[in-house]
PDB file of N, CA and C in Angstrom:
ATOM      1  N   MET A   1      52.094 214.599 -24.446  1.00  0.00           N
ATOM      2  CA  MET A   1      53.071 215.629 -24.696  1.00  0.00           C
ATOM      3  C   MET A   1      52.425 216.830 -25.375  1.00  0.00           C
ATOM      4  N   LYS A   2      51.567 216.603 -26.346  1.00  0.00           N
ATOM      5  CA  LYS A   2      50.902 217.694 -27.059  1.00  0.00           C
ATOM      6  C   LYS A   2      49.463 217.866 -26.596  1.00  0.00           C
ATOM      7  N   GLY A   3      49.029 217.065 -25.636  1.00  0.00           N
ATOM      8  CA  GLY A   3      47.651 217.107 -25.174  1.00  0.00           C
ATOM      9  C   GLY A   3      47.227 218.482 -24.692  1.00  0.00           C
ATOM     10  N   ARG A   4      48.069 219.138 -23.941  1.00  0.00           N
ATOM     11  CA  ARG A   4      47.733 220.469 -23.430  1.00  0.00           C
ATOM     12  C   ARG A   4      47.562 221.457 -24.583  1.00  0.00           C
ATOM     13  N   ALA A   5      48.432 221.390 -25.573  1.00  0.00           N
ATOM     14  CA  ALA A   5      48.312 222.278 -26.736  1.00  0.00           C
ATOM     15  C   ALA A   5      47.001 222.030 -27.472  1.00  0.00           C
ATOM     16  N   ILE A   6      46.632 220.772 -27.600  1.00  0.00           N
ATOM     17  CA  ILE A   6      45.396 220.432 -28.305  1.00  0.00           C
ATOM     18  C   ILE A   6      44.179 220.923 -27.529  1.00  0.00           C
ATOM     19  N   THR A   7      44.137 220.648 -26.223  1.00  0.00           N
ATOM     20  CA  THR A   7      42.966 221.054 -25.449  1.00  0.00           C
ATOM     21  C   THR A   7      42.849 222.566 -25.335  1.00  0.00           C
ATOM     22  N   SER A   8      43.965 223.260 -25.329  1.00  0.00           N
ATOM     23  CA  SER A   8      43.905 224.727 -25.265  1.00  0.00           C
ATOM     24  C   SER A   8      43.890 225.356 -26.655  1.00  0.00           C
ATOM     25  N   ARG A   9      43.951 224.492 -27.686  1.00  0.00           N
ATOM     26  CA  ARG A   9      43.947 224.935 -29.094  1.00  0.00           C
ATOM     27  C   ARG A   9      45.073 225.939 -29.359  1.00  0.00           C
ATOM     28  N   ASP A  10      46.228 225.657 -28.761  1.00  0.00           N
ATOM     29  CA  ASP A  10      47.424 226.478 -28.963  1.00  0.00           C
ATOM     30  C   ASP A  10      48.352 225.722 -29.895  1.00  0.00           C
ATOM     31  N   PHE A  11      48.331 226.095 -31.152  1.00  0.00           N
ATOM     32  CA  PHE A  11      49.126 225.400 -32.156  1.00  0.00           C
ATOM     33  C   PHE A  11      50.337 226.234 -32.583  1.00  0.00           C
ATOM     34  N   THR A  12      50.878 226.990 -31.621  1.00  0.00           N
ATOM     35  CA  THR A  12      52.098 227.740 -31.880  1.00  0.00           C
ATOM     36  C   THR A  12      53.175 226.738 -32.281  1.00  0.00           C
ATOM     37  N   PRO A  13      53.804 226.954 -33.417  1.00  0.00           N
ATOM     38  CA  PRO A  13      54.699 225.909 -33.926  1.00  0.00           C
ATOM     39  C   PRO A  13      55.984 225.721 -33.121  1.00  0.00           C
ATOM     40  N   ALA A  14      56.180 224.484 -32.694  1.00  0.00           N
ATOM     41  CA  ALA A  14      57.477 224.033 -32.217  1.00  0.00           C
ATOM     42  C   ALA A  14      58.132 223.271 -33.375  1.00  0.00           C
ATOM     43  N   PHE A  15      57.283 222.544 -34.123  1.00  0.00           N
ATOM     44  CA  PHE A  15      57.702 221.866 -35.354  1.00  0.00           C
ATOM     45  C   PHE A  15      56.507 221.941 -36.291  1.00  0.00           C
ATOM     46  N   ARG A  16      56.662 222.667 -37.381  1.00  0.00           N
ATOM     47  CA  ARG A  16      55.549 222.926 -38.292  1.00  0.00           C
ATOM     48  C   ARG A  16      55.033 221.641 -38.940  1.00  0.00           C
ATOM     49  N   LEU A  17      53.723 221.579 -39.040  1.00  0.00           N
ATOM     50  CA  LEU A  17      53.074 220.425 -39.650  1.00  0.00           C
ATOM     51  C   LEU A  17      53.519 220.239 -41.094  1.00  0.00           C
ATOM     52  N   SER A  18      53.753 221.323 -41.812  1.00  0.00           N
ATOM     53  CA  SER A  18      54.210 221.202 -43.207  1.00  0.00           C
ATOM     54  C   SER A  18      55.563 220.489 -43.280  1.00  0.00           C
ATOM     55  N   LEU A  19      56.428 220.733 -42.313  1.00  0.00           N
ATOM     56  CA  LEU A  19      57.732 220.056 -42.299  1.00  0.00           C
ATOM     57  C   LEU A  19      57.581 218.584 -41.922  1.00  0.00           C
ATOM     58  N   ALA A  20      56.678 218.304 -40.996  1.00  0.00           N
ATOM     59  CA  ALA A  20      56.424 216.907 -40.631  1.00  0.00           C
ATOM     60  C   ALA A  20      55.864 216.152 -41.826  1.00  0.00           C
ATOM     61  N   ALA A  21      54.977 216.797 -42.586  1.00  0.00           N
ATOM     62  CA  ALA A  21      54.407 216.159 -43.780  1.00  0.00           C
ATOM     63  C   ALA A  21      55.494 215.878 -44.806  1.00  0.00           C
ATOM     64  N   LYS A  22      56.399 216.842 -44.997  1.00  0.00           N
ATOM     65  CA  LYS A  22      57.508 216.649 -45.937  1.00  0.00           C
ATOM     66  C   LYS A  22      58.376 215.470 -45.494  1.00  0.00           C
ATOM     67  N   ASP A  23      58.730 215.446 -44.226  1.00  0.00           N
ATOM     68  CA  ASP A  23      59.581 214.370 -43.708  1.00  0.00           C
ATOM     69  C   ASP A  23      58.906 213.005 -43.821  1.00  0.00           C
ATOM     70  N   ALA A  24      57.620 212.953 -43.518  1.00  0.00           N
ATOM     71  CA  ALA A  24      56.893 211.688 -43.633  1.00  0.00           C
ATOM     72  C   ALA A  24      56.866 211.219 -45.084  1.00  0.00           C
ATOM     73  N   GLY A  25      56.726 212.163 -46.006  1.00  0.00           N
ATOM     74  CA  GLY A  25      56.773 211.813 -47.428  1.00  0.00           C
ATOM     75  C   GLY A  25      58.133 211.265 -47.834  1.00  0.00           C
ATOM     76  N   LEU A  26      59.192 211.839 -47.278  1.00  0.00           N
ATOM     77  CA  LEU A  26      60.545 211.339 -47.571  1.00  0.00           C
ATOM     78  C   LEU A  26      60.746 209.925 -47.032  1.00  0.00           C
ATOM     79  N   VAL A  27      60.240 209.668 -45.831  1.00  0.00           N
ATOM     80  CA  VAL A  27      60.350 208.327 -45.239  1.00  0.00           C
ATOM     81  C   VAL A  27      59.564 207.330 -46.086  1.00  0.00           C
ATOM     82  N   LYS A  28      58.365 207.715 -46.498  1.00  0.00           N
ATOM     83  CA  LYS A  28      57.533 206.837 -47.330  1.00  0.00           C
ATOM     84  C   LYS A  28      58.243 206.520 -48.644  1.00  0.00           C
ATOM     85  N   ALA A  29      58.821 207.535 -49.284  1.00  0.00           N
ATOM     86  CA  ALA A  29      59.536 207.329 -50.555  1.00  0.00           C
ATOM     87  C   ALA A  29      60.752 206.420 -50.366  1.00  0.00           C
ATOM     88  N   ALA A  30      61.483 206.612 -49.269  1.00  0.00           N
ATOM     89  CA  ALA A  30      62.652 205.765 -49.002  1.00  0.00           C
ATOM     90  C   ALA A  30      62.228 204.316 -48.780  1.00  0.00           C
ATOM     91  N   ALA A  31      61.142 204.123 -48.044  1.00  0.00           N
ATOM     92  CA  ALA A  31      60.647 202.763 -47.807  1.00  0.00           C
ATOM     93  C   ALA A  31      60.264 202.102 -49.125  1.00  0.00           C
ATOM     94  N   GLN A  32      59.595 202.844 -49.992  1.00  0.00           N
ATOM     95  CA  GLN A  32      59.190 202.296 -51.288  1.00  0.00           C
ATOM     96  C   GLN A  32      60.411 201.936 -52.136  1.00  0.00           C
ATOM     97  N   ARG A  33      61.431 202.784 -52.123  1.00  0.00           N
ATOM     98  CA  ARG A  33      62.651 202.500 -52.897  1.00  0.00           C
ATOM     99  C   ARG A  33      63.313 201.200 -52.461  1.00  0.00           C
ATOM    100  N   HIS A  34      63.155 200.878 -51.194  1.00  0.00           N
ATOM    101  CA  HIS A  34      63.785 199.675 -50.655  1.00  0.00           C
ATOM    102  C   HIS A  34      62.827 198.492 -50.575  1.00  0.00           C
ATOM    103  N   GLY A  35      61.655 198.646 -51.190  1.00  0.00           N
ATOM    104  CA  GLY A  35      60.707 197.545 -51.252  1.00  0.00           C
ATOM    105  C   GLY A  35      60.046 197.212 -49.925  1.00  0.00           C
ATOM    106  N   LEU A  36      59.985 198.175 -49.025  1.00  0.00           N
ATOM    107  CA  LEU A  36      59.384 197.932 -47.717  1.00  0.00           C
ATOM    108  C   LEU A  36      57.908 198.316 -47.724  1.00  0.00           C
ATOM    109  N   ASP A  37      57.090 197.490 -47.112  1.00  0.00           N
ATOM    110  CA  ASP A  37      55.666 197.772 -46.946  1.00  0.00           C
ATOM    111  C   ASP A  37      55.465 198.242 -45.512  1.00  0.00           C
ATOM    112  N   LEU A  38      55.295 199.555 -45.349  1.00  0.00           N
ATOM    113  CA  LEU A  38      55.141 200.131 -44.016  1.00  0.00           C
ATOM    114  C   LEU A  38      53.811 200.881 -43.941  1.00  0.00           C
ATOM    115  N   PRO A  39      52.718 200.157 -43.717  1.00  0.00           N
ATOM    116  CA  PRO A  39      51.394 200.782 -43.752  1.00  0.00           C
ATOM    117  C   PRO A  39      51.220 201.908 -42.731  1.00  0.00           C
ATOM    118  N   LEU A  40      51.891 201.824 -41.595  1.00  0.00           N
ATOM    119  CA  LEU A  40      51.769 202.887 -40.607  1.00  0.00           C
ATOM    120  C   LEU A  40      52.378 204.184 -41.140  1.00  0.00           C
ATOM    121  N   ILE A  41      53.517 204.080 -41.816  1.00  0.00           N
ATOM    122  CA  ILE A  41      54.137 205.263 -42.429  1.00  0.00           C
ATOM    123  C   ILE A  41      53.214 205.841 -43.496  1.00  0.00           C
ATOM    124  N   ASP A  42      52.568 204.990 -44.277  1.00  0.00           N
ATOM    125  CA  ASP A  42      51.608 205.468 -45.287  1.00  0.00           C
ATOM    126  C   ASP A  42      50.485 206.263 -44.624  1.00  0.00           C
ATOM    127  N   ALA A  43      49.959 205.734 -43.525  1.00  0.00           N
ATOM    128  CA  ALA A  43      48.863 206.404 -42.823  1.00  0.00           C
ATOM    129  C   ALA A  43      49.318 207.732 -42.221  1.00  0.00           C
ATOM    130  N   ILE A  44      50.499 207.750 -41.628  1.00  0.00           N
ATOM    131  CA  ILE A  44      51.031 208.979 -41.036  1.00  0.00           C
ATOM    132  C   ILE A  44      51.266 210.031 -42.113  1.00  0.00           C
ATOM    133  N   ALA A  45      51.882 209.633 -43.208  1.00  0.00           N
ATOM    134  CA  ALA A  45      52.162 210.577 -44.299  1.00  0.00           C
ATOM    135  C   ALA A  45      50.857 211.150 -44.851  1.00  0.00           C
ATOM    136  N   ARG A  46      49.862 210.306 -45.002  1.00  0.00           N
ATOM    137  CA  ARG A  46      48.564 210.767 -45.516  1.00  0.00           C
ATOM    138  C   ARG A  46      47.920 211.762 -44.557  1.00  0.00           C
ATOM    139  N   ARG A  47      47.914 211.442 -43.271  1.00  0.00           N
ATOM    140  CA  ARG A  47      47.287 212.321 -42.282  1.00  0.00           C
ATOM    141  C   ARG A  47      48.037 213.655 -42.163  1.00  0.00           C
ATOM    142  N   PHE A  48      49.358 213.608 -42.152  1.00  0.00           N
ATOM    143  CA  PHE A  48      50.118 214.853 -42.085  1.00  0.00           C
ATOM    144  C   PHE A  48      49.856 215.716 -43.315  1.00  0.00           C
ATOM    145  N   ALA A  49      49.796 215.090 -44.484  1.00  0.00           N
ATOM    146  CA  ALA A  49      49.529 215.839 -45.716  1.00  0.00           C
ATOM    147  C   ALA A  49      48.137 216.474 -45.670  1.00  0.00           C
ATOM    148  N   GLU A  50      47.149 215.731 -45.172  1.00  0.00           N
ATOM    149  CA  GLU A  50      45.790 216.274 -45.046  1.00  0.00           C
ATOM    150  C   GLU A  50      45.781 217.482 -44.117  1.00  0.00           C
ATOM    151  N   GLY A  51      46.408 217.349 -42.981  1.00  0.00           N
ATOM    152  CA  GLY A  51      46.452 218.451 -42.017  1.00  0.00           C
ATOM    153  C   GLY A  51      47.230 219.645 -42.517  1.00  0.00           C
ATOM    154  N   ALA A  52      48.313 219.386 -43.234  1.00  0.00           N
ATOM    155  CA  ALA A  52      49.180 220.466 -43.710  1.00  0.00           C
ATOM    156  C   ALA A  52      48.494 221.345 -44.746  1.00  0.00           C
ATOM    157  N   ARG A  53      47.509 220.791 -45.462  1.00  0.00           N
ATOM    158  CA  ARG A  53      46.814 221.605 -46.463  1.00  0.00           C
ATOM    159  C   ARG A  53      46.202 222.860 -45.847  1.00  0.00           C
ATOM    160  N   GLU A  54      45.656 222.741 -44.660  1.00  0.00           N
ATOM    161  CA  GLU A  54      45.026 223.895 -44.013  1.00  0.00           C
ATOM    162  C   GLU A  54      45.813 224.436 -42.829  1.00  0.00           C
ATOM    163  N   HIS A  55      46.675 223.616 -42.246  1.00  0.00           N
ATOM    164  CA  HIS A  55      47.324 223.993 -40.991  1.00  0.00           C
ATOM    165  C   HIS A  55      48.844 223.816 -41.045  1.00  0.00           C
ATOM    166  N   GLY A  56      49.417 223.910 -42.224  1.00  0.00           N
ATOM    167  CA  GLY A  56      50.833 223.634 -42.401  1.00  0.00           C
ATOM    168  C   GLY A  56      51.767 224.524 -41.614  1.00  0.00           C
ATOM    169  N   ASP A  57      51.348 225.762 -41.336  1.00  0.00           N
ATOM    170  CA  ASP A  57      52.209 226.674 -40.588  1.00  0.00           C
ATOM    171  C   ASP A  57      52.021 226.566 -39.084  1.00  0.00           C
ATOM    172  N   GLU A  58      51.126 225.669 -38.667  1.00  0.00           N
ATOM    173  CA  GLU A  58      50.910 225.467 -37.241  1.00  0.00           C
ATOM    174  C   GLU A  58      51.721 224.269 -36.767  1.00  0.00           C
ATOM    175  N   ASP A  59      51.701 224.057 -35.463  1.00  0.00           N
ATOM    176  CA  ASP A  59      52.465 222.966 -34.869  1.00  0.00           C
ATOM    177  C   ASP A  59      51.941 221.612 -35.347  1.00  0.00           C
ATOM    178  N   ILE A  60      52.792 220.611 -35.272  1.00  0.00           N
ATOM    179  CA  ILE A  60      52.429 219.260 -35.674  1.00  0.00           C
ATOM    180  C   ILE A  60      51.181 218.760 -34.926  1.00  0.00           C
ATOM    181  N   SER A  61      50.943 219.284 -33.722  1.00  0.00           N
ATOM    182  CA  SER A  61      49.748 218.882 -32.982  1.00  0.00           C
ATOM    183  C   SER A  61      48.464 219.308 -33.679  1.00  0.00           C
ATOM    184  N   ALA A  62      48.546 220.216 -34.638  1.00  0.00           N
ATOM    185  CA  ALA A  62      47.367 220.628 -35.406  1.00  0.00           C
ATOM    186  C   ALA A  62      46.876 219.491 -36.305  1.00  0.00           C
ATOM    187  N   THR A  63      47.621 218.413 -36.398  1.00  0.00           N
ATOM    188  CA  THR A  63      47.154 217.224 -37.115  1.00  0.00           C
ATOM    189  C   THR A  63      45.807 216.789 -36.556  1.00  0.00           C
ATOM    190  N   TYR A  64      45.620 217.019 -35.272  1.00  0.00           N
ATOM    191  CA  TYR A  64      44.359 216.706 -34.601  1.00  0.00           C
ATOM    192  C   TYR A  64      43.183 217.333 -35.345  1.00  0.00           C
ATOM    193  N   LEU A  65      43.355 218.516 -35.882  1.00  0.00           N
ATOM    194  CA  LEU A  65      42.263 219.216 -36.551  1.00  0.00           C
ATOM    195  C   LEU A  65      41.795 218.490 -37.811  1.00  0.00           C
ATOM    196  N   ALA A  66      42.654 217.696 -38.405  1.00  0.00           N
ATOM    197  CA  ALA A  66      42.268 216.932 -39.602  1.00  0.00           C
ATOM    198  C   ALA A  66      41.288 215.815 -39.244  1.00  0.00           C
ATOM    199  N   SER A  67      41.191 215.470 -37.967  1.00  0.00           N
ATOM    200  CA  SER A  67      40.292 214.416 -37.518  1.00  0.00           C
ATOM    201  C   SER A  67      38.915 214.932 -37.152  1.00  0.00           C
ATOM    202  N   MET A  68      38.797 216.241 -37.017  1.00  0.00           N
ATOM    203  CA  MET A  68      37.539 216.824 -36.570  1.00  0.00           C
ATOM    204  C   MET A  68      36.540 216.933 -37.723  1.00  0.00           C
ATOM    205  N   PRO A  69      35.277 216.672 -37.421  1.00  0.00           N
ATOM    206  CA  PRO A  69      34.263 216.866 -38.474  1.00  0.00           C
ATOM    207  C   PRO A  69      34.180 218.347 -38.856  1.00  0.00           C
ATOM    208  N   GLN A  70      33.837 218.593 -40.101  1.00  0.00           N
ATOM    209  CA  GLN A  70      33.708 219.978 -40.556  1.00  0.00           C
ATOM    210  C   GLN A  70      32.573 220.640 -39.798  1.00  0.00           C
ATOM    211  N   ARG A  71      32.824 221.854 -39.391  1.00  0.00           N
ATOM    212  CA  ARG A  71      31.781 222.612 -38.692  1.00  0.00           C
ATOM    213  C   ARG A  71      31.188 223.612 -39.659  1.00  0.00           C
ATOM    214  N   GLY A  72      29.875 223.598 -39.769  1.00  0.00           N
ATOM    215  CA  GLY A  72      29.208 224.457 -40.715  1.00  0.00           C
ATOM    216  C   GLY A  72      28.668 225.717 -40.178  1.00  0.00           C
TER     217      GLY A  72
END
């Protein structure tokens, strides 16, 4: 679904990564309040937060950029 955006490096926001990070954090907090261990949600929230630090105003597909090695 987002593959074309990633390969063309078009991160025009349909849903901003910063909002996805916020929502993932809310889901993680709700799971913790209810005593649920959801490691996948933890991983998603962490990755979205990492990506949002530099690419929060771009589309959620910009999460891909958090996986790329730093280019010097």
